[in-house]
């Protein structure tokens, strides 16, 4: 004879298990709904949370229709090569590499600034770009994929948009 709390049959055990599981899932679903509703109350713009609302909630007496202007700031226009000044530095022990590379970059229409050596040498060929000028760095990298690294730099000289530093990974012919 089964005990006082034991199910009468194996089938009733599975029914009891299903009811308990259903109740637990229902409780979790209610908690998730409550959290979503709570997070979408009020102005959450400063918290970076999504806001679910109708356009009419943004209307004011002074402005009867909601504004449709995007809130993103426009990215600066990418300059054409002839407006981009590039310093070329040799960060390897191969003599004349900066001069030869500067000639190649100049044939693509870029203005060449300083040509010289970088000490200490570096391992990876890098394009350093002025803040806000990543687009120009990407354009130069597209023309010269041997420059494998892009880095923003606030330390570039005035008038210089990009600085390429030839690293040990730069392909050489000899």
C-alpha atoms as a PDB file:
ATOM      1  CA  UNK A   1       0.000   0.000   0.000  1.00  0.00           C
ATOM      2  CA  UNK A   2       1.472   3.346  -0.992  1.00  0.00           C
ATOM      3  CA  UNK A   3       2.166   5.933   1.655  1.00  0.00           C
ATOM      4  CA  UNK A   4      -0.132   8.808   2.469  1.00  0.00           C
ATOM      5  CA  UNK A   5       1.665  11.242   0.082  1.00  0.00           C
ATOM      6  CA  UNK A   6       2.643   8.827  -2.659  1.00  0.00           C
ATOM      7  CA  UNK A   7       0.781   9.091  -5.969  1.00  0.00           C
ATOM      8  CA  UNK A   8      -1.780   6.401  -6.560  1.00  0.00           C
ATOM      9  CA  UNK A   9      -0.258   5.421  -9.913  1.00  0.00           C
ATOM     10  CA  UNK A  10       2.745   6.257 -12.147  1.00  0.00           C
ATOM     11  CA  UNK A  11       0.415   8.241 -14.408  1.00  0.00           C
ATOM     12  CA  UNK A  12      -0.695  10.507 -11.593  1.00  0.00           C
ATOM     13  CA  UNK A  13       2.975  11.091 -10.736  1.00  0.00           C
ATOM     14  CA  UNK A  14       3.611  12.526 -14.234  1.00  0.00           C
ATOM     15  CA  UNK A  15       0.483  14.636 -14.029  1.00  0.00           C
ATOM     16  CA  UNK A  16       1.660  16.090 -10.718  1.00  0.00           C
ATOM     17  CA  UNK A  17       5.121  16.730 -12.182  1.00  0.00           C
ATOM     18  CA  UNK A  18       3.624  18.491 -15.219  1.00  0.00           C
ATOM     19  CA  UNK A  19       1.465  20.704 -13.000  1.00  0.00           C
ATOM     20  CA  UNK A  20       4.450  21.699 -10.873  1.00  0.00           C
ATOM     21  CA  UNK A  21       6.574  22.436 -13.953  1.00  0.00           C
ATOM     22  CA  UNK A  22       3.755  24.462 -15.512  1.00  0.00           C
ATOM     23  CA  UNK A  23       3.355  26.497 -12.334  1.00  0.00           C
ATOM     24  CA  UNK A  24       7.103  27.201 -12.192  1.00  0.00           C
ATOM     25  CA  UNK A  25       7.218  28.281 -15.851  1.00  0.00           C
ATOM     26  CA  UNK A  26       4.173  30.472 -15.327  1.00  0.00           C
ATOM     27  CA  UNK A  27       5.817  32.168 -12.344  1.00  0.00           C
ATOM     28  CA  UNK A  28       9.006  32.828 -14.344  1.00  0.00           C
ATOM     29  CA  UNK A  29       6.989  34.249 -17.251  1.00  0.00           C
ATOM     30  CA  UNK A  30       5.132  36.613 -14.905  1.00  0.00           C
ATOM     31  CA  UNK A  31       8.415  37.814 -13.398  1.00  0.00           C
ATOM     32  CA  UNK A  32       9.888  38.479 -16.855  1.00  0.00           C
ATOM     33  CA  UNK A  33       6.808  40.470 -17.873  1.00  0.00           C
ATOM     34  CA  UNK A  34       6.963  42.457 -14.640  1.00  0.00           C
ATOM     35  CA  UNK A  35      10.650  43.320 -15.207  1.00  0.00           C
ATOM     36  CA  UNK A  36      10.006  44.412 -18.819  1.00  0.00           C
ATOM     37  CA  UNK A  37       7.095  46.611 -17.750  1.00  0.00           C
ATOM     38  CA  UNK A  38       9.122  48.088 -14.893  1.00  0.00           C
ATOM     39  CA  UNK A  39      12.109  48.891 -17.115  1.00  0.00           C
ATOM     40  CA  UNK A  40       9.944  50.574 -19.747  1.00  0.00           C
ATOM     41  CA  UNK A  41       8.323  52.998 -17.310  1.00  0.00           C
ATOM     42  CA  UNK A  42       9.447  56.638 -17.331  1.00  0.00           C
ATOM     43  CA  UNK A  43      12.363  58.163 -19.203  1.00  0.00           C
ATOM     44  CA  UNK A  44      15.123  55.579 -19.520  1.00  0.00           C
ATOM     45  CA  UNK A  45      17.197  57.422 -22.133  1.00  0.00           C
ATOM     46  CA  UNK A  46      19.943  58.161 -19.631  1.00  0.00           C
ATOM     47  CA  UNK A  47      20.129  54.478 -18.710  1.00  0.00           C
ATOM     48  CA  UNK A  48      20.477  53.311 -22.336  1.00  0.00           C
ATOM     49  CA  UNK A  49      17.405  51.082 -22.058  1.00  0.00           C
ATOM     50  CA  UNK A  50      14.927  50.572 -24.903  1.00  0.00           C
ATOM     51  CA  UNK A  51      11.763  52.627 -24.744  1.00  0.00           C
ATOM     52  CA  UNK A  52       8.478  51.260 -26.007  1.00  0.00           C
ATOM     53  CA  UNK A  53       6.003  54.077 -26.527  1.00  0.00           C
ATOM     54  CA  UNK A  54       3.691  55.618 -29.079  1.00  0.00           C
ATOM     55  CA  UNK A  55       4.709  58.795 -30.931  1.00  0.00           C
ATOM     56  CA  UNK A  56       2.022  60.762 -29.071  1.00  0.00           C
ATOM     57  CA  UNK A  57       3.939  60.460 -25.787  1.00  0.00           C
ATOM     58  CA  UNK A  58       6.664  62.741 -27.195  1.00  0.00           C
ATOM     59  CA  UNK A  59       4.316  65.593 -28.133  1.00  0.00           C
ATOM     60  CA  UNK A  60       4.313  68.866 -26.270  1.00  0.00           C
ATOM     61  CA  UNK A  61       2.089  71.939 -26.448  1.00  0.00           C
ATOM     62  CA  UNK A  62       4.763  73.856 -28.348  1.00  0.00           C
ATOM     63  CA  UNK A  63       5.309  71.017 -30.809  1.00  0.00           C
ATOM     64  CA  UNK A  64       2.085  69.304 -31.909  1.00  0.00           C
ATOM     65  CA  UNK A  65       3.845  66.659 -34.022  1.00  0.00           C
ATOM     66  CA  UNK A  66       6.693  64.382 -32.959  1.00  0.00           C
ATOM     67  CA  UNK A  67      10.101  65.187 -34.364  1.00  0.00           C
ATOM     68  CA  UNK A  68      11.597  62.707 -36.797  1.00  0.00           C
ATOM     69  CA  UNK A  69      15.200  63.898 -36.710  1.00  0.00           C
ATOM     70  CA  UNK A  70      17.827  61.215 -36.075  1.00  0.00           C
ATOM     71  CA  UNK A  71      19.798  61.525 -32.869  1.00  0.00           C
ATOM     72  CA  UNK A  72      23.054  60.151 -34.282  1.00  0.00           C
ATOM     73  CA  UNK A  73      25.857  62.569 -35.000  1.00  0.00           C
ATOM     74  CA  UNK A  74      26.990  62.550 -38.611  1.00  0.00           C
ATOM     75  CA  UNK A  75      30.429  61.101 -39.212  1.00  0.00           C
ATOM     76  CA  UNK A  76      32.989  63.408 -40.784  1.00  0.00           C
ATOM     77  CA  UNK A  77      33.320  63.172 -44.544  1.00  0.00           C
ATOM     78  CA  UNK A  78      36.249  61.039 -45.700  1.00  0.00           C
ATOM     79  CA  UNK A  79      38.837  63.268 -47.352  1.00  0.00           C
ATOM     80  CA  UNK A  80      40.115  62.430 -50.844  1.00  0.00           C
ATOM     81  CA  UNK A  81      43.755  61.252 -51.013  1.00  0.00           C
ATOM     82  CA  UNK A  82      45.045  64.605 -52.314  1.00  0.00           C
ATOM     83  CA  UNK A  83      43.845  66.239 -49.067  1.00  0.00           C
ATOM     84  CA  UNK A  84      45.455  63.633 -46.794  1.00  0.00           C
ATOM     85  CA  UNK A  85      49.003  64.248 -45.588  1.00  0.00           C
ATOM     86  CA  UNK A  86      50.856  61.021 -44.757  1.00  0.00           C
ATOM     87  CA  UNK A  87      54.104  60.684 -42.820  1.00  0.00           C
ATOM     88  CA  UNK A  88      56.046  57.531 -43.719  1.00  0.00           C
ATOM     89  CA  UNK A  89      58.441  56.063 -41.160  1.00  0.00           C
ATOM     90  CA  UNK A  90      60.625  52.992 -41.431  1.00  0.00           C
ATOM     91  CA  UNK A  91      60.325  50.885 -38.285  1.00  0.00           C
ATOM     92  CA  UNK A  92      62.654  48.157 -39.612  1.00  0.00           C
ATOM     93  CA  UNK A  93      66.367  47.735 -40.266  1.00  0.00           C
ATOM     94  CA  UNK A  94      65.871  47.687 -44.084  1.00  0.00           C
ATOM     95  CA  UNK A  95      67.508  50.842 -45.477  1.00  0.00           C
ATOM     96  CA  UNK A  96      65.437  53.009 -47.843  1.00  0.00           C
ATOM     97  CA  UNK A  97      62.112  51.306 -47.156  1.00  0.00           C
ATOM     98  CA  UNK A  98      60.364  54.514 -46.035  1.00  0.00           C
ATOM     99  CA  UNK A  99      61.484  56.387 -49.159  1.00  0.00           C
ATOM    100  CA  UNK A 100      60.316  53.597 -51.493  1.00  0.00           C
ATOM    101  CA  UNK A 101      56.992  53.221 -49.684  1.00  0.00           C
ATOM    102  CA  UNK A 102      56.437  56.995 -49.706  1.00  0.00           C
ATOM    103  CA  UNK A 103      56.794  56.976 -53.511  1.00  0.00           C
ATOM    104  CA  UNK A 104      54.166  54.216 -53.792  1.00  0.00           C
ATOM    105  CA  UNK A 105      51.774  56.092 -51.497  1.00  0.00           C
ATOM    106  CA  UNK A 106      52.340  59.308 -53.460  1.00  0.00           C
ATOM    107  CA  UNK A 107      51.414  57.555 -56.725  1.00  0.00           C
ATOM    108  CA  UNK A 108      47.997  56.860 -55.162  1.00  0.00           C
ATOM    109  CA  UNK A 109      47.467  60.620 -54.847  1.00  0.00           C
ATOM    110  CA  UNK A 110      48.374  61.155 -51.184  1.00  0.00           C
ATOM    111  CA  UNK A 111      50.445  64.128 -50.002  1.00  0.00           C
ATOM    112  CA  UNK A 112      53.657  62.947 -48.373  1.00  0.00           C
ATOM    113  CA  UNK A 113      54.907  64.646 -45.217  1.00  0.00           C
ATOM    114  CA  UNK A 114      57.869  63.460 -43.169  1.00  0.00           C
ATOM    115  CA  UNK A 115      59.861  60.485 -44.446  1.00  0.00           C
ATOM    116  CA  UNK A 116      62.256  58.961 -41.933  1.00  0.00           C
ATOM    117  CA  UNK A 117      62.973  56.258 -39.398  1.00  0.00           C
ATOM    118  CA  UNK A 118      61.020  55.047 -36.377  1.00  0.00           C
ATOM    119  CA  UNK A 119      62.996  53.992 -33.336  1.00  0.00           C
ATOM    120  CA  UNK A 120      62.609  51.587 -31.713  1.00  0.00           C
ATOM    121  CA  UNK A 121      61.609  49.250 -34.566  1.00  0.00           C
ATOM    122  CA  UNK A 122      58.086  47.811 -34.515  1.00  0.00           C
ATOM    123  CA  UNK A 123      56.787  44.361 -35.414  1.00  0.00           C
ATOM    124  CA  UNK A 124      53.522  45.214 -37.221  1.00  0.00           C
ATOM    125  CA  UNK A 125      53.077  47.698 -40.062  1.00  0.00           C
ATOM    126  CA  UNK A 126      50.693  50.286 -38.633  1.00  0.00           C
ATOM    127  CA  UNK A 127      48.626  53.226 -39.825  1.00  0.00           C
ATOM    128  CA  UNK A 128      48.218  55.842 -37.097  1.00  0.00           C
ATOM    129  CA  UNK A 129      45.334  58.242 -37.659  1.00  0.00           C
ATOM    130  CA  UNK A 130      44.168  61.483 -36.124  1.00  0.00           C
ATOM    131  CA  UNK A 131      40.936  61.222 -34.049  1.00  0.00           C
ATOM    132  CA  UNK A 132      37.939  61.329 -36.380  1.00  0.00           C
ATOM    133  CA  UNK A 133      39.980  60.227 -39.402  1.00  0.00           C
ATOM    134  CA  UNK A 134      39.556  56.453 -39.291  1.00  0.00           C
ATOM    135  CA  UNK A 135      37.865  56.600 -42.715  1.00  0.00           C
ATOM    136  CA  UNK A 136      41.033  57.951 -44.313  1.00  0.00           C
ATOM    137  CA  UNK A 137      43.086  55.252 -42.570  1.00  0.00           C
ATOM    138  CA  UNK A 138      40.741  52.555 -43.889  1.00  0.00           C
ATOM    139  CA  UNK A 139      40.996  53.989 -47.427  1.00  0.00           C
ATOM    140  CA  UNK A 140      44.805  53.928 -47.259  1.00  0.00           C
ATOM    141  CA  UNK A 141      44.733  50.405 -45.828  1.00  0.00           C
ATOM    142  CA  UNK A 142      42.513  49.303 -48.717  1.00  0.00           C
ATOM    143  CA  UNK A 143      45.146  50.578 -51.166  1.00  0.00           C
ATOM    144  CA  UNK A 144      48.008  49.176 -49.055  1.00  0.00           C
ATOM    145  CA  UNK A 145      46.808  46.051 -47.205  1.00  0.00           C
ATOM    146  CA  UNK A 146      50.345  45.353 -45.989  1.00  0.00           C
ATOM    147  CA  UNK A 147      49.579  47.849 -43.212  1.00  0.00           C
ATOM    148  CA  UNK A 148      47.791  45.393 -40.965  1.00  0.00           C
ATOM    149  CA  UNK A 149      47.112  47.530 -37.880  1.00  0.00           C
ATOM    150  CA  UNK A 150      45.087  50.741 -37.446  1.00  0.00           C
ATOM    151  CA  UNK A 151      45.544  52.877 -34.318  1.00  0.00           C
ATOM    152  CA  UNK A 152      44.140  56.244 -33.329  1.00  0.00           C
ATOM    153  CA  UNK A 153      46.778  58.727 -32.193  1.00  0.00           C
ATOM    154  CA  UNK A 154      46.402  62.179 -30.679  1.00  0.00           C
ATOM    155  CA  UNK A 155      50.170  62.715 -30.970  1.00  0.00           C
ATOM    156  CA  UNK A 156      50.443  63.265 -34.738  1.00  0.00           C
ATOM    157  CA  UNK A 157      52.115  66.531 -35.786  1.00  0.00           C
ATOM    158  CA  UNK A 158      49.895  69.428 -36.883  1.00  0.00           C
ATOM    159  CA  UNK A 159      48.838  69.059 -40.507  1.00  0.00           C
ATOM    160  CA  UNK A 160      49.461  65.307 -40.613  1.00  0.00           C
ATOM    161  CA  UNK A 161      46.339  63.198 -41.103  1.00  0.00           C
ATOM    162  CA  UNK A 162      47.995  59.754 -41.139  1.00  0.00           C
ATOM    163  CA  UNK A 163      51.346  58.281 -40.191  1.00  0.00           C
ATOM    164  CA  UNK A 164      52.397  54.920 -41.547  1.00  0.00           C
ATOM    165  CA  UNK A 165      55.104  53.034 -39.733  1.00  0.00           C
ATOM    166  CA  UNK A 166      56.593  50.135 -41.628  1.00  0.00           C
ATOM    167  CA  UNK A 167      57.024  47.136 -39.351  1.00  0.00           C
ATOM    168  CA  UNK A 168      58.957  43.897 -39.470  1.00  0.00           C
ATOM    169  CA  UNK A 169      55.987  42.169 -41.137  1.00  0.00           C
ATOM    170  CA  UNK A 170      56.149  44.475 -44.196  1.00  0.00           C
ATOM    171  CA  UNK A 171      56.906  42.525 -47.375  1.00  0.00           C
ATOM    172  CA  UNK A 172      60.301  43.340 -48.870  1.00  0.00           C
ATOM    173  CA  UNK A 173      61.823  42.161 -52.103  1.00  0.00           C
ATOM    174  CA  UNK A 174      65.269  41.554 -50.746  1.00  0.00           C
END
